[in-house]
Protein backbone atom coordinates (compact mmCIF):
# COMPACT_ATOMS: atom_id res chain seq x y z
CA MET A 1 99.22 93.98 32.87
CA ARG A 2 100.78 90.70 33.55
CA LEU A 3 98.74 87.56 34.60
CA ASP A 4 100.78 87.06 37.96
CA HIS A 5 99.42 90.80 38.62
CA TYR A 6 96.06 89.77 38.56
CA HIS A 7 96.28 87.02 40.70
CA GLN A 8 98.13 88.92 43.52
CA ILE A 9 95.33 91.71 43.43
CA ILE A 10 92.39 88.99 43.50
CA LYS A 11 94.23 87.18 46.47
CA GLU A 12 94.40 90.31 48.26
CA VAL A 13 90.50 91.05 47.48
CA GLU A 14 89.52 87.46 48.53
CA ASP A 15 91.20 87.89 51.84
CA LEU A 16 88.38 89.81 53.96
CA GLU A 17 87.02 88.59 57.26
CA ILE A 18 83.30 89.99 57.84
CA ASP A 19 82.75 91.22 61.44
CA THR A 20 79.60 92.19 62.53
CA SER A 21 79.95 92.07 66.38
CA THR A 22 79.38 95.99 66.78
CA PRO A 23 78.00 98.43 64.50
CA SER A 24 81.01 100.41 64.07
CA LYS A 25 82.79 96.81 62.77
CA PHE A 26 79.65 96.30 60.72
CA LYS A 27 80.18 99.47 58.95
CA LYS A 28 83.50 99.11 58.27
CA THR A 29 82.69 95.67 57.05
CA LEU A 30 80.22 97.24 54.49
CA MET A 31 82.70 99.97 53.19
CA LYS A 32 85.35 97.25 52.73
CA LEU A 33 83.32 94.98 50.80
CA LYS A 34 82.22 98.23 48.60
CA ARG A 35 85.85 99.05 48.16
CA LYS A 36 86.75 95.47 46.79
CA LYS A 37 83.84 95.71 44.67
CA ARG A 38 85.25 98.53 43.10
CA ILE A 39 88.66 97.28 42.99
CA LEU A 40 87.38 94.24 41.26
CA ARG A 41 85.37 96.30 38.60
CA ARG A 42 88.55 98.54 37.90
CA LEU A 43 90.52 95.01 37.57
CA LYS A 44 87.89 93.37 35.23
CA LYS A 45 87.87 96.53 33.04
CA LYS A 46 91.94 96.75 32.80
CA LEU A 47 91.59 92.50 32.13
CA MET A 48 89.24 93.34 29.41
CA GLU A 49 91.46 96.09 27.68
CA ASP A 50 93.89 93.32 27.70
CA ILE A 51 91.93 91.04 26.04
CA ARG A 52 90.75 93.37 23.43
CA ASP A 53 94.83 93.99 23.06
CA ILE A 54 95.15 90.32 22.23
CA GLU A 55 92.18 90.55 19.42
CA VAL A 56 93.68 93.35 18.01
CA ASP A 57 97.06 91.56 17.63
CA TYR A 58 95.56 88.63 16.24
CA LEU A 59 93.34 90.61 13.40
CA ILE A 60 96.77 92.44 12.70
CA LYS A 61 98.37 88.94 12.06
CA ARG A 62 95.47 87.91 9.98
CA ILE A 63 95.97 90.79 7.97
CA ALA A 64 99.67 90.41 7.77
CA ILE A 65 99.09 86.74 6.41
CA ARG A 66 96.36 87.82 4.01
CA GLN A 67 98.86 90.28 2.41
CA GLU A 68 101.82 87.44 2.40
CA ILE A 69 99.66 85.08 0.52
CA GLU A 70 98.87 87.77 -1.90
CA ASP A 71 102.16 88.68 -2.29
CA TYR A 72 102.96 84.78 -2.42
CA GLU A 73 100.47 84.41 -5.60
CA ALA A 74 101.54 87.77 -7.25
CA ASN A 75 105.31 86.59 -7.66
CA PRO A 76 105.35 83.54 -9.86
CA SER A 77 109.24 82.85 -8.76
CA THR A 78 108.53 82.65 -5.19
CA PHE A 79 105.58 80.58 -6.08
CA LYS A 80 107.96 77.99 -8.25
CA LYS A 81 110.16 77.82 -5.19
CA LEU A 82 107.36 76.30 -2.95
CA VAL A 83 106.37 73.50 -5.60
CA GLY A 84 103.39 71.62 -4.37
CA LYS A 85 101.84 74.17 -1.88
CA ASP A 86 98.94 76.32 -3.02
CA SER A 87 98.23 79.58 -1.28
CA HIS A 88 94.76 78.30 0.14
CA THR A 89 96.78 75.60 2.20
CA LEU A 90 99.49 78.07 3.16
CA ARG A 91 96.93 80.39 4.36
CA LEU A 92 94.82 77.85 6.60
CA LYS A 93 98.04 76.48 7.98
CA ALA A 94 98.90 80.07 9.08
CA LEU A 95 95.53 81.04 10.14
CA LYS A 96 95.27 78.14 12.35
CA LYS A 97 98.70 78.41 13.94
CA ILE A 98 97.81 82.26 15.10
CA GLU A 99 93.92 81.21 16.18
CA LYS A 100 95.67 78.49 18.50
CA ASP A 101 98.01 81.21 19.68
CA ARG A 102 95.08 83.54 20.38
CA GLU A 103 93.31 80.93 22.12
CA THR A 104 96.16 79.68 24.36
CA ARG A 105 97.02 83.57 25.56
CA ILE A 106 93.18 84.53 26.00
CA LYS A 107 92.51 81.43 28.05
CA PRO A 108 94.00 82.50 31.32
CA TYR A 109 92.56 85.95 31.08
CA ASN A 110 89.04 84.70 30.62
CA GLU A 111 89.71 82.14 33.55
CA ILE A 112 90.50 85.30 35.56
CA ARG A 113 87.39 87.06 34.29
CA GLU A 114 85.44 84.27 35.61
CA GLN A 115 87.03 84.57 38.83
CA ILE A 116 86.25 88.27 39.11
CA ASN A 117 82.73 87.66 38.21
CA LYS A 118 82.43 85.07 41.08
CA LEU A 119 83.85 87.34 43.52
CA LEU A 120 81.65 90.35 42.49
CA ASP A 121 78.41 87.80 43.00
CA ASP A 122 79.81 87.01 46.30
CA ILE A 123 80.33 90.38 47.25
CA ASP A 124 76.83 91.40 46.23
CA GLU A 125 75.29 88.73 47.82
CA THR A 126 77.24 89.34 51.32
CA ILE A 127 76.02 93.14 50.91
CA MET A 128 72.42 91.86 50.32
CA GLU A 129 72.45 89.72 52.93
CA LEU A 130 73.94 92.01 55.66
CA THR A 131 71.75 95.23 54.52
CA SER A 132 68.59 93.07 53.93
CA PRO A 133 65.50 94.03 56.44
CA GLY A 134 65.55 90.36 57.71
CA SER A 135 69.06 89.78 58.39
CA LYS A 136 70.21 88.65 61.89
CA VAL A 137 72.62 91.73 61.87
CA LYS A 138 69.95 94.38 61.27
CA LYS A 139 67.75 92.89 63.86
CA GLU A 140 70.38 92.92 66.68
CA PHE A 141 71.98 96.25 65.99
CA ASN A 142 69.04 98.21 63.80
CA PRO A 143 72.03 100.89 62.86
CA PRO A 144 69.84 104.34 61.97
CA GLU A 145 71.48 104.46 58.58
CA PHE A 146 69.75 101.25 57.92
CA ARG A 147 66.44 101.88 58.87
């Protein structure tokens, strides 16, 4: 999934008014919070799959670089064309380059994951506040399903 899709879904989830003025609105608010929590959990799962895909791509590139270096060392004519470059230096440069690319690609996903975790924590806190025995809302309405 593209990063802008994640941002769009998170923006939609963040948009929620908590209305506990009546018992029915209280119940609807709880249902909306729980629905948004499920959405965030699915989104986080998809996000983790995308991060895993980036990691797998990185590992495949590492293997390819190692294979190229082995081929480079095995073929003396190619080795002579690249005078002054030993295989260790070439491998380090290539690995640093793909490592930097991996970090650059994963960073936005990690930021989104942190945002999702914060939203999940906020939702959990809100649900706990609304349903706790000493909550103002519960004292006012005392809905039967929360007794």
